[in-house]
Amino acid sequence: MAQMTPSSSTTPTMREESDADLLYYMSCRENPADRAVSDAGTLEFHRRYAVGLLDRCRSICRQFGSVVDAEDLFAVTLVKAIERAETFVTAVDAASHPARTLNWLARIARNLHVDALRNPNRSGPLTGEQEAVPVEDYSTEEFAALYCDGHALPRDLATIRTVQAALLTLDERTRRIIAYTVLQRQRSPKRNYVYRGAMKALANELGTTTVNLRRIRLLGVAAIAEYVRTHTGQV
């Protein structure tokens, strides 16, 4: 493995890195100084394998007649691949590297899928319908603090209080959808993904569709952004 450290001051060119090194970089998330390198590694790994892996996940789901969403299986497979990076063995023949890596990823996906089918009532991202999201356990202030992720909105106390006030201007259903989404993202890779299975469960609970959930959420997010802009001057 290359001796490059994740905390290098400049982001490396990832095109020349091996798959094994990319998996290592992707796993380095704890130190904020490492995240630029980790993100670069993730982007390159996705460039190489996202299309092929998603195709494999769709094939696996079709083969077993599964209710598991292929996009969810894809996301969970990448997380598991990072956790198992030390088990990855680079091919001796450079020409066979891509096929070997894709087959390794597909085995992880297949095993995850089989486990989900064998244990449908065990909580987890692929069985999100059975996994309760404790929306009622959080106050509006706590949701506001989670909503201010430090990227789209700063996490200072003034902004959190403004977002808290903005949430209270929304109707109950919109607040619930946004809160549910925020909590689901806390469980996902890099906290930026909402599992489709979980959103289907929420849509069933509210008697609507996932498309309508997305529309309601986008309108709610836009309303919060406008409230923050008019009350703090932030874009």
C-alpha atoms as a PDB file:
ATOM      1  CA  MET A   1       0.000   0.000   0.000  1.00  0.00           C
ATOM      2  CA  ALA A   2       1.228   3.512  -0.718  1.00  0.00           C
ATOM      3  CA  GLN A   3       2.779   5.387   2.183  1.00  0.00           C
ATOM      4  CA  MET A   4       0.745   8.529   1.591  1.00  0.00           C
ATOM      5  CA  THR A   5      -0.933   9.670   4.795  1.00  0.00           C
ATOM      6  CA  PRO A   6      -4.557  10.831   4.677  1.00  0.00           C
ATOM      7  CA  SER A   7      -3.694  14.067   6.443  1.00  0.00           C
ATOM      8  CA  SER A   8      -1.425  15.296   3.638  1.00  0.00           C
ATOM      9  CA  SER A   9      -1.801  19.039   3.182  1.00  0.00           C
ATOM     10  CA  THR A  10      -2.751  18.636  -0.461  1.00  0.00           C
ATOM     11  CA  THR A  11      -5.282  16.218  -1.874  1.00  0.00           C
ATOM     12  CA  PRO A  12      -3.507  13.510  -3.905  1.00  0.00           C
ATOM     13  CA  THR A  13      -4.333  12.581  -7.468  1.00  0.00           C
ATOM     14  CA  MET A  14      -6.356   9.440  -6.947  1.00  0.00           C
ATOM     15  CA  ARG A  15      -6.292   8.147 -10.532  1.00  0.00           C
ATOM     16  CA  GLU A  16      -2.949   6.449  -9.877  1.00  0.00           C
ATOM     17  CA  GLU A  17      -3.945   4.861  -6.549  1.00  0.00           C
ATOM     18  CA  SER A  18      -4.710   1.158  -6.225  1.00  0.00           C
ATOM     19  CA  ASP A  19      -8.159  -0.049  -5.188  1.00  0.00           C
ATOM     20  CA  ALA A  20      -6.687  -1.206  -1.874  1.00  0.00           C
ATOM     21  CA  ASP A  21      -5.309   2.258  -1.173  1.00  0.00           C
ATOM     22  CA  LEU A  22      -8.611   3.891  -2.116  1.00  0.00           C
ATOM     23  CA  LEU A  23     -10.451   1.667   0.361  1.00  0.00           C
ATOM     24  CA  TYR A  24      -7.957   2.689   3.025  1.00  0.00           C
ATOM     25  CA  TYR A  25      -8.376   6.388   2.311  1.00  0.00           C
ATOM     26  CA  MET A  26     -12.168   6.003   2.336  1.00  0.00           C
ATOM     27  CA  SER A  27     -11.983   4.566   5.851  1.00  0.00           C
ATOM     28  CA  CYS A  28     -10.121   7.588   7.246  1.00  0.00           C
ATOM     29  CA  ARG A  29     -12.973   9.797   8.425  1.00  0.00           C
ATOM     30  CA  GLU A  30     -12.397  10.409  12.149  1.00  0.00           C
ATOM     31  CA  ASN A  31      -9.843  13.187  11.804  1.00  0.00           C
ATOM     32  CA  PRO A  32     -11.325  16.265  10.067  1.00  0.00           C
ATOM     33  CA  ALA A  33      -7.941  16.868   8.416  1.00  0.00           C
ATOM     34  CA  ASP A  34      -8.233  13.498   6.634  1.00  0.00           C
ATOM     35  CA  ARG A  35     -11.652  14.039   5.110  1.00  0.00           C
ATOM     36  CA  ALA A  36     -10.584  15.811   1.929  1.00  0.00           C
ATOM     37  CA  VAL A  37      -8.374  12.837   1.036  1.00  0.00           C
ATOM     38  CA  SER A  38     -11.121  10.421   2.087  1.00  0.00           C
ATOM     39  CA  ASP A  39     -13.650  12.221  -0.094  1.00  0.00           C
ATOM     40  CA  ALA A  40     -11.244  12.200  -3.045  1.00  0.00           C
ATOM     41  CA  GLY A  41     -10.706   8.469  -2.600  1.00  0.00           C
ATOM     42  CA  THR A  42     -14.442   7.903  -2.433  1.00  0.00           C
ATOM     43  CA  LEU A  43     -15.050   9.857  -5.634  1.00  0.00           C
ATOM     44  CA  GLU A  44     -12.407   7.874  -7.513  1.00  0.00           C
ATOM     45  CA  PHE A  45     -13.676   4.531  -6.203  1.00  0.00           C
ATOM     46  CA  HIS A  46     -17.205   5.503  -7.238  1.00  0.00           C
ATOM     47  CA  ARG A  47     -15.931   6.543 -10.671  1.00  0.00           C
ATOM     48  CA  ARG A  48     -14.412   3.107 -11.128  1.00  0.00           C
ATOM     49  CA  TYR A  49     -17.113   0.875  -9.716  1.00  0.00           C
ATOM     50  CA  ALA A  50     -20.420   2.635  -8.965  1.00  0.00           C
ATOM     51  CA  VAL A  51     -22.114   1.810 -12.280  1.00  0.00           C
ATOM     52  CA  GLY A  52     -20.964  -1.802 -12.310  1.00  0.00           C
ATOM     53  CA  LEU A  53     -21.792  -2.407  -8.647  1.00  0.00           C
ATOM     54  CA  LEU A  54     -25.257  -0.891  -8.964  1.00  0.00           C
ATOM     55  CA  ASP A  55     -25.925  -3.171 -11.944  1.00  0.00           C
ATOM     56  CA  ARG A  56     -24.816  -6.165  -9.867  1.00  0.00           C
ATOM     57  CA  CYS A  57     -27.063  -5.086  -6.972  1.00  0.00           C
ATOM     58  CA  ARG A  58     -30.044  -4.786  -9.300  1.00  0.00           C
ATOM     59  CA  SER A  59     -29.303  -8.235 -10.700  1.00  0.00           C
ATOM     60  CA  ILE A  60     -29.062  -9.724  -7.195  1.00  0.00           C
ATOM     61  CA  CYS A  61     -32.387  -8.171  -6.178  1.00  0.00           C
ATOM     62  CA  ARG A  62     -34.094  -9.433  -9.344  1.00  0.00           C
ATOM     63  CA  GLN A  63     -32.620 -12.909  -8.935  1.00  0.00           C
ATOM     64  CA  PHE A  64     -34.063 -13.347  -5.454  1.00  0.00           C
ATOM     65  CA  GLY A  65     -37.321 -11.476  -6.112  1.00  0.00           C
ATOM     66  CA  SER A  66     -36.391  -9.217  -3.241  1.00  0.00           C
ATOM     67  CA  VAL A  67     -38.208  -6.286  -1.710  1.00  0.00           C
ATOM     68  CA  VAL A  68     -34.788  -4.826  -0.852  1.00  0.00           C
ATOM     69  CA  ASP A  69     -34.093  -1.690  -2.849  1.00  0.00           C
ATOM     70  CA  ALA A  70     -31.034  -2.068  -5.107  1.00  0.00           C
ATOM     71  CA  GLU A  71     -29.838   1.460  -4.331  1.00  0.00           C
ATOM     72  CA  ASP A  72     -29.937   0.668  -0.606  1.00  0.00           C
ATOM     73  CA  LEU A  73     -28.010  -2.552  -1.178  1.00  0.00           C
ATOM     74  CA  PHE A  74     -25.453  -0.574  -3.185  1.00  0.00           C
ATOM     75  CA  ALA A  75     -24.941   1.986  -0.393  1.00  0.00           C
ATOM     76  CA  VAL A  76     -24.673  -0.634   2.362  1.00  0.00           C
ATOM     77  CA  THR A  77     -22.253  -2.696   0.270  1.00  0.00           C
ATOM     78  CA  LEU A  78     -19.856   0.246  -0.009  1.00  0.00           C
ATOM     79  CA  VAL A  79     -19.962   0.791   3.752  1.00  0.00           C
ATOM     80  CA  LYS A  80     -19.285  -2.903   4.384  1.00  0.00           C
ATOM     81  CA  ALA A  81     -16.475  -2.893   1.803  1.00  0.00           C
ATOM     82  CA  ILE A  82     -14.714  -0.130   3.732  1.00  0.00           C
ATOM     83  CA  GLU A  83     -15.124  -2.083   6.973  1.00  0.00           C
ATOM     84  CA  ARG A  84     -13.595  -5.161   5.281  1.00  0.00           C
ATOM     85  CA  ALA A  85     -10.843  -3.331   3.435  1.00  0.00           C
ATOM     86  CA  GLU A  86      -8.167  -5.420   5.147  1.00  0.00           C
ATOM     87  CA  THR A  87      -9.583  -8.572   3.498  1.00  0.00           C
ATOM     88  CA  PHE A  88      -9.198  -7.164  -0.002  1.00  0.00           C
ATOM     89  CA  VAL A  89      -6.412  -8.800  -2.011  1.00  0.00           C
ATOM     90  CA  THR A  90      -5.060  -6.972  -5.039  1.00  0.00           C
ATOM     91  CA  ALA A  91      -4.859  -9.049  -8.209  1.00  0.00           C
ATOM     92  CA  VAL A  92      -1.379 -10.017  -9.386  1.00  0.00           C
ATOM     93  CA  ASP A  93      -2.309  -9.305 -12.996  1.00  0.00           C
ATOM     94  CA  ALA A  94      -3.015  -5.600 -13.362  1.00  0.00           C
ATOM     95  CA  ALA A  95      -5.394  -6.236 -16.256  1.00  0.00           C
ATOM     96  CA  SER A  96      -7.691  -8.231 -13.981  1.00  0.00           C
ATOM     97  CA  HIS A  97      -7.846  -5.608 -11.184  1.00  0.00           C
ATOM     98  CA  PRO A  98     -11.249  -4.114 -12.107  1.00  0.00           C
ATOM     99  CA  ALA A  99     -12.988  -7.469 -12.535  1.00  0.00           C
ATOM    100  CA  ARG A 100     -11.509  -8.811  -9.289  1.00  0.00           C
ATOM    101  CA  THR A 101     -12.605  -5.746  -7.323  1.00  0.00           C
ATOM    102  CA  LEU A 102     -16.103  -5.768  -8.798  1.00  0.00           C
ATOM    103  CA  ASN A 103     -16.490  -9.478  -8.032  1.00  0.00           C
ATOM    104  CA  TRP A 104     -15.329  -8.851  -4.452  1.00  0.00           C
ATOM    105  CA  LEU A 105     -17.909  -6.078  -4.070  1.00  0.00           C
ATOM    106  CA  ALA A 106     -20.619  -8.277  -5.612  1.00  0.00           C
ATOM    107  CA  ARG A 107     -19.883 -11.062  -3.093  1.00  0.00           C
ATOM    108  CA  ILE A 108     -20.329  -8.600  -0.255  1.00  0.00           C
ATOM    109  CA  ALA A 109     -23.613  -7.407  -1.776  1.00  0.00           C
ATOM    110  CA  ARG A 110     -24.878 -10.959  -2.235  1.00  0.00           C
ATOM    111  CA  ASN A 111     -24.012 -11.912   1.350  1.00  0.00           C
ATOM    112  CA  LEU A 112     -25.703  -8.791   2.708  1.00  0.00           C
ATOM    113  CA  HIS A 113     -28.786  -9.541   0.634  1.00  0.00           C
ATOM    114  CA  VAL A 114     -28.970 -13.166   1.786  1.00  0.00           C
ATOM    115  CA  ASP A 115     -28.562 -12.062   5.399  1.00  0.00           C
ATOM    116  CA  ALA A 116     -31.380  -9.539   5.014  1.00  0.00           C
ATOM    117  CA  LEU A 117     -33.699 -12.214   3.621  1.00  0.00           C
ATOM    118  CA  ARG A 118     -32.802 -14.672   6.376  1.00  0.00           C
ATOM    119  CA  ASN A 119     -33.270 -12.082   9.116  1.00  0.00           C
ATOM    120  CA  PRO A 120     -36.101  -9.826   7.892  1.00  0.00           C
ATOM    121  CA  ASN A 121     -37.074  -8.671  11.381  1.00  0.00           C
ATOM    122  CA  ARG A 122     -33.602  -7.659  12.503  1.00  0.00           C
ATOM    123  CA  SER A 123     -33.183  -3.894  12.462  1.00  0.00           C
ATOM    124  CA  GLY A 124     -30.781  -2.514   9.900  1.00  0.00           C
ATOM    125  CA  PRO A 125     -30.581  -0.404   6.732  1.00  0.00           C
ATOM    126  CA  LEU A 126     -31.829  -3.191   4.455  1.00  0.00           C
ATOM    127  CA  THR A 127     -34.762  -3.963   6.748  1.00  0.00           C
ATOM    128  CA  GLY A 128     -35.650  -0.365   7.429  1.00  0.00           C
ATOM    129  CA  GLU A 129     -39.380  -1.093   7.522  1.00  0.00           C
ATOM    130  CA  GLN A 130     -38.858  -2.858  10.860  1.00  0.00           C
ATOM    131  CA  GLU A 131     -36.446  -0.300  12.290  1.00  0.00           C
ATOM    132  CA  ALA A 132     -38.218   2.344  14.341  1.00  0.00           C
ATOM    133  CA  VAL A 133     -37.012   5.907  13.884  1.00  0.00           C
ATOM    134  CA  PRO A 134     -37.478   7.611  17.285  1.00  0.00           C
ATOM    135  CA  VAL A 135     -38.793  10.943  16.024  1.00  0.00           C
ATOM    136  CA  GLU A 136     -40.815  11.487  19.202  1.00  0.00           C
ATOM    137  CA  ASP A 137     -37.687  11.209  21.372  1.00  0.00           C
ATOM    138  CA  TYR A 138     -36.201  14.434  19.999  1.00  0.00           C
ATOM    139  CA  SER A 139     -37.147  18.014  20.737  1.00  0.00           C
ATOM    140  CA  THR A 140     -37.399  20.677  18.037  1.00  0.00           C
ATOM    141  CA  GLU A 141     -34.153  22.171  19.343  1.00  0.00           C
ATOM    142  CA  GLU A 142     -32.373  18.820  18.971  1.00  0.00           C
ATOM    143  CA  PHE A 143     -33.626  18.444  15.408  1.00  0.00           C
ATOM    144  CA  ALA A 144     -32.470  21.968  14.631  1.00  0.00           C
ATOM    145  CA  ALA A 145     -28.989  21.124  15.944  1.00  0.00           C
ATOM    146  CA  LEU A 146     -28.848  18.028  13.708  1.00  0.00           C
ATOM    147  CA  TYR A 147     -30.216  19.989  10.738  1.00  0.00           C
ATOM    148  CA  CYS A 148     -27.371  22.505  11.055  1.00  0.00           C
ATOM    149  CA  ASP A 149     -24.714  20.130   9.777  1.00  0.00           C
ATOM    150  CA  GLY A 150     -21.880  22.625   9.499  1.00  0.00           C
ATOM    151  CA  HIS A 151     -21.975  22.520   5.681  1.00  0.00           C
ATOM    152  CA  ALA A 152     -25.234  23.900   4.315  1.00  0.00           C
ATOM    153  CA  LEU A 153     -25.764  25.770   7.581  1.00  0.00           C
ATOM    154  CA  PRO A 154     -23.304  26.633  10.363  1.00  0.00           C
ATOM    155  CA  ARG A 155     -23.720  24.963  13.752  1.00  0.00           C
ATOM    156  CA  ASP A 156     -23.550  28.101  15.863  1.00  0.00           C
ATOM    157  CA  LEU A 157     -26.174  28.678  18.537  1.00  0.00           C
ATOM    158  CA  ALA A 158     -27.821  31.608  16.741  1.00  0.00           C
ATOM    159  CA  THR A 159     -28.405  29.596  13.553  1.00  0.00           C
ATOM    160  CA  ILE A 160     -29.691  26.590  15.494  1.00  0.00           C
ATOM    161  CA  ARG A 161     -32.222  28.788  17.280  1.00  0.00           C
ATOM    162  CA  THR A 162     -33.291  30.345  13.987  1.00  0.00           C
ATOM    163  CA  VAL A 163     -33.792  26.911  12.407  1.00  0.00           C
ATOM    164  CA  GLN A 164     -35.741  25.838  15.496  1.00  0.00           C
ATOM    165  CA  ALA A 165     -38.075  28.790  14.995  1.00  0.00           C
ATOM    166  CA  ALA A 166     -38.337  27.998  11.277  1.00  0.00           C
ATOM    167  CA  LEU A 167     -39.344  24.385  11.993  1.00  0.00           C
ATOM    168  CA  LEU A 168     -42.200  25.617  14.165  1.00  0.00           C
ATOM    169  CA  THR A 169     -43.645  27.556  11.203  1.00  0.00           C
ATOM    170  CA  LEU A 170     -44.105  24.309   9.226  1.00  0.00           C
ATOM    171  CA  ASP A 171     -47.142  22.055   9.411  1.00  0.00           C
ATOM    172  CA  GLU A 172     -46.861  18.892  11.505  1.00  0.00           C
ATOM    173  CA  ARG A 173     -46.535  16.503   8.554  1.00  0.00           C
ATOM    174  CA  THR A 174     -43.722  18.501   6.953  1.00  0.00           C
ATOM    175  CA  ARG A 175     -41.884  18.714  10.279  1.00  0.00           C
ATOM    176  CA  ARG A 176     -42.192  14.946  10.714  1.00  0.00           C
ATOM    177  CA  ILE A 177     -40.855  14.226   7.227  1.00  0.00           C
ATOM    178  CA  ILE A 178     -37.874  16.531   7.709  1.00  0.00           C
ATOM    179  CA  ALA A 179     -37.180  15.114  11.189  1.00  0.00           C
ATOM    180  CA  TYR A 180     -37.412  11.557   9.886  1.00  0.00           C
ATOM    181  CA  THR A 181     -34.999  12.375   7.076  1.00  0.00           C
ATOM    182  CA  VAL A 182     -32.518  13.996   9.446  1.00  0.00           C
ATOM    183  CA  LEU A 183     -32.514  10.948  11.724  1.00  0.00           C
ATOM    184  CA  GLN A 184     -32.187   8.514   8.834  1.00  0.00           C
ATOM    185  CA  ARG A 185     -29.167  10.391   7.524  1.00  0.00           C
ATOM    186  CA  GLN A 186     -27.453   9.973  10.889  1.00  0.00           C
ATOM    187  CA  ARG A 187     -27.443   6.219  10.174  1.00  0.00           C
ATOM    188  CA  SER A 188     -26.140   6.374   6.615  1.00  0.00           C
ATOM    189  CA  PRO A 189     -22.685   6.510   5.016  1.00  0.00           C
ATOM    190  CA  LYS A 190     -21.170   9.935   5.721  1.00  0.00           C
ATOM    191  CA  ARG A 191     -24.615  10.944   7.056  1.00  0.00           C
ATOM    192  CA  ASN A 192     -25.875  12.080   3.665  1.00  0.00           C
ATOM    193  CA  TYR A 193     -28.101   9.240   2.467  1.00  0.00           C
ATOM    194  CA  VAL A 194     -31.704   8.323   3.222  1.00  0.00           C
ATOM    195  CA  TYR A 195     -32.449   4.625   2.761  1.00  0.00           C
ATOM    196  CA  ARG A 196     -35.280   4.122   0.291  1.00  0.00           C
ATOM    197  CA  GLY A 197     -36.773   1.237   2.239  1.00  0.00           C
ATOM    198  CA  ALA A 198     -37.165   3.467   5.275  1.00  0.00           C
ATOM    199  CA  MET A 199     -38.802   6.213   3.221  1.00  0.00           C
ATOM    200  CA  LYS A 200     -41.239   3.705   1.726  1.00  0.00           C
ATOM    201  CA  ALA A 201     -42.219   2.774   5.284  1.00  0.00           C
ATOM    202  CA  LEU A 202     -42.823   6.435   6.158  1.00  0.00           C
ATOM    203  CA  ALA A 203     -44.859   6.931   2.986  1.00  0.00           C
ATOM    204  CA  ASN A 204     -47.058   3.983   3.950  1.00  0.00           C
ATOM    205  CA  GLU A 205     -47.461   5.371   7.456  1.00  0.00           C
ATOM    206  CA  LEU A 206     -48.571   8.770   6.129  1.00  0.00           C
ATOM    207  CA  GLY A 207     -50.729   7.308   3.361  1.00  0.00           C
ATOM    208  CA  THR A 208     -48.787   8.884   0.516  1.00  0.00           C
ATOM    209  CA  THR A 209     -45.985   8.107  -1.944  1.00  0.00           C
ATOM    210  CA  THR A 210     -42.219   8.510  -1.745  1.00  0.00           C
ATOM    211  CA  VAL A 211     -42.431  11.002  -4.607  1.00  0.00           C
ATOM    212  CA  ASN A 212     -44.806  13.136  -2.559  1.00  0.00           C
ATOM    213  CA  LEU A 213     -42.555  12.786   0.493  1.00  0.00           C
ATOM    214  CA  ARG A 214     -39.692  14.197  -1.544  1.00  0.00           C
ATOM    215  CA  ARG A 215     -41.846  17.088  -2.780  1.00  0.00           C
ATOM    216  CA  ILE A 216     -43.027  17.942   0.749  1.00  0.00           C
ATOM    217  CA  ARG A 217     -39.495  17.729   2.097  1.00  0.00           C
ATOM    218  CA  LEU A 218     -38.083  20.006  -0.627  1.00  0.00           C
ATOM    219  CA  LEU A 219     -40.781  22.579   0.044  1.00  0.00           C
ATOM    220  CA  GLY A 220     -40.051  22.403   3.767  1.00  0.00           C
ATOM    221  CA  VAL A 221     -36.300  22.758   3.240  1.00  0.00           C
ATOM    222  CA  ALA A 222     -36.893  25.764   0.967  1.00  0.00           C
ATOM    223  CA  ALA A 223     -39.137  27.347   3.614  1.00  0.00           C
ATOM    224  CA  ILE A 224     -36.474  26.853   6.293  1.00  0.00           C
ATOM    225  CA  ALA A 225     -33.793  28.331   4.032  1.00  0.00           C
ATOM    226  CA  GLU A 226     -35.948  31.370   3.298  1.00  0.00           C
ATOM    227  CA  TYR A 227     -36.704  31.859   7.012  1.00  0.00           C
ATOM    228  CA  VAL A 228     -33.001  31.681   7.879  1.00  0.00           C
ATOM    229  CA  ARG A 229     -32.128  34.076   5.058  1.00  0.00           C
ATOM    230  CA  THR A 230     -34.678  36.681   6.069  1.00  0.00           C
ATOM    231  CA  HIS A 231     -33.862  36.475   9.780  1.00  0.00           C
ATOM    232  CA  THR A 232     -30.053  36.231   9.659  1.00  0.00           C
ATOM    233  CA  GLY A 233     -29.008  37.357   6.185  1.00  0.00           C
ATOM    234  CA  GLN A 234     -27.449  33.944   5.440  1.00  0.00           C
ATOM    235  CA  VAL A 235     -27.885  32.538   1.934  1.00  0.00           C
END
